[in-house]
Structure formats: C-alpha cells, structure tokens
Amino acid sequence: MAKKVLVLLAEGFEEVEAITPIDYLRRAGIEVTTASIGKDLNVKSARNIQVLAETSLDSLLEEGKLKGANWDGVVVPGGLPGSDNLAASTETGTFLKEMAAADKLVAAICAAPARVLSPLGLLAGKKFTCYPGEEAKVTAGGSASAAAQWKEDRVVVDGNIITSRGAGTAGEFACAIVAALVNEAEAKTLAEKVLLKV
C-alpha cells in the first residue's frame, strides 16, 4: 500500500520547497495530497504563483481525515510569509503535534523548522537545520526548544523529524523523505533519474 503524505500550503509558501517534494514523492509512488490552510483552494506563493490545492485543512477536518492515523508523513514548506501563516494556524499546529506524537514523519524546510516546528516543541532534544539565521529563533526559544541542536548540514534527519535549509536543498530534502518512507534504494534511484547529486 502506498504511503500517504500531506503537503501544507499557506499563502506565501516557497514554490520550490513545496513543488519539488510533491513531484519527487509522486515519482517514488507516494500518494501526495496538497492542502491549503485557508478555505480557498487557490494559494498564492511567495512570488505570486497561484497553486490550486487538492483540499483544505477545513475539509479534511470536516471529513474526519485530519488525523495522524490517516497519514504517514507531512511536509511543511518554508517561505515568508508562508511559514508564519502556517505557525498562526491552530489546525496546522494540532495536526503537526499529533503526527509527531504518533511517530509519523514530519518534514520541514527553510524557515519552517524555526517558525513552525520549534514553537510547537517539536525540535526539543532534536538535531535540526534551517535557513541560515533562523536557527537563532530556535536556540533562543526557551523550553519549547530545549536542547535542540542546530547543524549546518543541508538535510538533517533525527528520528521522525527531517529538516532542510532552503530552496537549493529541496531535491535532497525530498529524497530524504523518500528514503524514510520507502527505502534508501528508492531514494537513490530517484536521485539518479532526476540527475541529483546526493
């Protein structure tokens, strides 16, 4: 049975950090669903590209599908103000905490590790990376970020949490998600097919 991943889209998301994982995960046979965090399925990216999400968090909630048991992973793209909009969404926070508590995969890139995961306490005791400079928000974050360890690596995997640095690392980020949800061999095959050096 195919693994199921939800990709969260908020107004102001970073295009490459959302679309690359969607593309790569689907190439690897993972069932990907895009969800807007607002009522409107049309979501405007950081550079004003309109993307039509397949569903919304409100719809998933109404249908009883916004539960950790229904998903194997969630992808949290970065970008501004996208990351801040995700952080302001109560439904997003509740879902991410439920996924983490169920030991499901939570993958965040760019500003999202610092602005979305850290305030929820999801980086506490974890190794992580993020967009340069954003790590200060985590390491100065108090109890929610207790013992979080920033790494300069392009992608950091620590248990069920995968973090990455930015648009330029989106391919490696997506391959790390494939490795975690499918296997390393599939991730390597995918990287070779798209000419990605990992």
Foldseek 3Di string as FASTA:
>chain_A
DAAEEEEEAEAAFDVLLRVLLVVLSVVLVHHYFYAYADQAQFHQYNVGDTDGGPYYLVVCVVVVNLALVNHQEYEYTDGPPGLVRLQPRPSSLVSVVRNVVVQGAYEYEALNCLRHVQVSLNQALHEEEHAPPSVVSQVPVPPSNHNRHYDPDQWDDDRRYIYGYHSVSSLVSSLVVCCVRPRNVSSVVSCVVVVHDD
